Amino acid sequence: MGQGKHAVVSQERRVKRLGYRYGVLLMKCAKPFGKVAEHGGYMLRDEETRKIVFGNTGYEFSATLDEVEAFLEAQPKHRTGED
């Protein structure tokens, strides 16, 4: 069963909130092309260093939204929200 557009938007919001806890920004490819359109479309960028921390293996925006979410959920918690 495929995901509808609303489910993808909802998942993007959830991943953005999750990324905030780790100090990373979810980046989405504005105009998917070639490999990005087939598999991927997302990257994570560290807010402090502005370096890509996930989603640039082989080509930019190489991670799917599910892969980004799994990557973040596997990280140890280090930002608690009392900022």
C-alpha atoms as a PDB file:
ATOM      1  CA  MET A   1       0.000   0.000   0.000  1.00  0.00           C
ATOM      2  CA  GLY A   2       1.528   3.312  -1.097  1.00  0.00           C
ATOM      3  CA  GLN A   3       1.782   6.444   0.939  1.00  0.00           C
ATOM      4  CA  GLY A   4      -0.336   9.400  -0.023  1.00  0.00           C
ATOM      5  CA  LYS A   5       1.029  12.909  -0.355  1.00  0.00           C
ATOM      6  CA  HIS A   6      -0.265  13.870   3.092  1.00  0.00           C
ATOM      7  CA  ALA A   7       1.519  10.920   4.702  1.00  0.00           C
ATOM      8  CA  VAL A   8       4.834  12.013   3.141  1.00  0.00           C
ATOM      9  CA  VAL A   9       4.372  15.603   4.292  1.00  0.00           C
ATOM     10  CA  SER A  10       3.519  14.376   7.790  1.00  0.00           C
ATOM     11  CA  GLN A  11       6.619  12.157   7.850  1.00  0.00           C
ATOM     12  CA  GLU A  12       8.791  15.072   6.666  1.00  0.00           C
ATOM     13  CA  ARG A  13       7.535  17.212   9.566  1.00  0.00           C
ATOM     14  CA  ARG A  14       8.203  14.393  12.022  1.00  0.00           C
ATOM     15  CA  VAL A  15      11.750  13.876  10.692  1.00  0.00           C
ATOM     16  CA  LYS A  16      12.439  17.639  10.805  1.00  0.00           C
ATOM     17  CA  ARG A  17      11.397  17.722  14.473  1.00  0.00           C
ATOM     18  CA  LEU A  18      13.523  14.664  15.199  1.00  0.00           C
ATOM     19  CA  GLY A  19      16.484  16.243  13.409  1.00  0.00           C
ATOM     20  CA  TYR A  20      16.223  19.353  15.575  1.00  0.00           C
ATOM     21  CA  ARG A  21      17.081  17.220  18.620  1.00  0.00           C
ATOM     22  CA  TYR A  22      20.399  16.359  16.985  1.00  0.00           C
ATOM     23  CA  GLY A  23      21.176  19.776  15.563  1.00  0.00           C
ATOM     24  CA  VAL A  24      20.666  18.732  11.938  1.00  0.00           C
ATOM     25  CA  LEU A  25      18.488  20.139   9.199  1.00  0.00           C
ATOM     26  CA  LEU A  26      16.507  17.957   6.797  1.00  0.00           C
ATOM     27  CA  MET A  27      17.189  19.069   3.240  1.00  0.00           C
ATOM     28  CA  LYS A  28      14.965  18.041   0.328  1.00  0.00           C
ATOM     29  CA  CYS A  29      15.980  18.111  -3.328  1.00  0.00           C
ATOM     30  CA  ALA A  30      13.943  20.843  -5.026  1.00  0.00           C
ATOM     31  CA  LYS A  31      14.118  19.314  -8.505  1.00  0.00           C
ATOM     32  CA  PRO A  32      14.746  15.548  -8.364  1.00  0.00           C
ATOM     33  CA  PHE A  33      16.604  14.172 -11.378  1.00  0.00           C
ATOM     34  CA  GLY A  34      18.141  10.851 -12.452  1.00  0.00           C
ATOM     35  CA  LYS A  35      19.242   8.775  -9.465  1.00  0.00           C
ATOM     36  CA  VAL A  36      17.636  11.187  -7.000  1.00  0.00           C
ATOM     37  CA  ALA A  37      14.209  10.705  -8.587  1.00  0.00           C
ATOM     38  CA  GLU A  38      14.651   6.915  -8.519  1.00  0.00           C
ATOM     39  CA  HIS A  39      16.024   6.582  -4.999  1.00  0.00           C
ATOM     40  CA  GLY A  40      16.563   9.368  -2.540  1.00  0.00           C
ATOM     41  CA  GLY A  41      15.771  13.026  -2.374  1.00  0.00           C
ATOM     42  CA  TYR A  42      16.939  13.903   1.159  1.00  0.00           C
ATOM     43  CA  MET A  43      20.096  14.847   3.092  1.00  0.00           C
ATOM     44  CA  LEU A  44      20.898  15.937   6.632  1.00  0.00           C
ATOM     45  CA  ARG A  45      23.125  18.957   7.277  1.00  0.00           C
ATOM     46  CA  ASP A  46      24.739  19.806  10.604  1.00  0.00           C
ATOM     47  CA  GLU A  47      23.440  23.228  11.667  1.00  0.00           C
ATOM     48  CA  GLU A  48      26.703  24.336  13.309  1.00  0.00           C
ATOM     49  CA  THR A  49      29.287  23.163  10.780  1.00  0.00           C
ATOM     50  CA  ARG A  50      26.957  23.204   7.742  1.00  0.00           C
ATOM     51  CA  LYS A  51      28.489  19.882   6.650  1.00  0.00           C
ATOM     52  CA  ILE A  52      26.387  17.074   5.217  1.00  0.00           C
ATOM     53  CA  VAL A  53      26.174  14.267   7.780  1.00  0.00           C
ATOM     54  CA  PHE A  54      23.908  11.832   5.919  1.00  0.00           C
ATOM     55  CA  GLY A  55      22.477  11.405   2.446  1.00  0.00           C
ATOM     56  CA  ASN A  56      25.414  12.182   0.198  1.00  0.00           C
ATOM     57  CA  THR A  57      26.813   8.698  -0.437  1.00  0.00           C
ATOM     58  CA  GLY A  58      27.669   8.499  -4.124  1.00  0.00           C
ATOM     59  CA  TYR A  59      25.568  11.549  -4.996  1.00  0.00           C
ATOM     60  CA  GLU A  60      23.776  14.398  -3.232  1.00  0.00           C
ATOM     61  CA  PHE A  61      20.309  13.738  -1.815  1.00  0.00           C
ATOM     62  CA  SER A  62      20.911   9.982  -1.960  1.00  0.00           C
ATOM     63  CA  ALA A  63      18.827   9.074   1.118  1.00  0.00           C
ATOM     64  CA  THR A  64      15.135   8.302   1.226  1.00  0.00           C
ATOM     65  CA  LEU A  65      12.968   9.790   3.949  1.00  0.00           C
ATOM     66  CA  ASP A  66      12.695   6.374   5.621  1.00  0.00           C
ATOM     67  CA  GLU A  67      16.504   6.031   5.637  1.00  0.00           C
ATOM     68  CA  VAL A  68      16.911   9.491   7.179  1.00  0.00           C
ATOM     69  CA  GLU A  69      14.357   8.693   9.879  1.00  0.00           C
ATOM     70  CA  ALA A  70      16.035   5.362  10.690  1.00  0.00           C
ATOM     71  CA  PHE A  71      19.461   7.070  10.826  1.00  0.00           C
ATOM     72  CA  LEU A  72      18.198   9.665  13.313  1.00  0.00           C
ATOM     73  CA  GLU A  73      16.374   7.121  15.468  1.00  0.00           C
ATOM     74  CA  ALA A  74      19.598   5.079  15.740  1.00  0.00           C
ATOM     75  CA  GLN A  75      21.554   8.056  17.137  1.00  0.00           C
ATOM     76  CA  PRO A  76      22.120   8.506  20.873  1.00  0.00           C
ATOM     77  CA  LYS A  77      20.051  11.351  22.265  1.00  0.00           C
ATOM     78  CA  HIS A  78      22.060  14.481  22.982  1.00  0.00           C
ATOM     79  CA  ARG A  79      19.685  17.414  22.716  1.00  0.00           C
ATOM     80  CA  THR A  80      16.826  17.394  25.217  1.00  0.00           C
ATOM     81  CA  GLY A  81      14.781  20.476  24.345  1.00  0.00           C
ATOM     82  CA  GLU A  82      15.628  22.727  27.289  1.00  0.00           C
ATOM     83  CA  ASP A  83      17.391  25.150  24.921  1.00  0.00           C
END
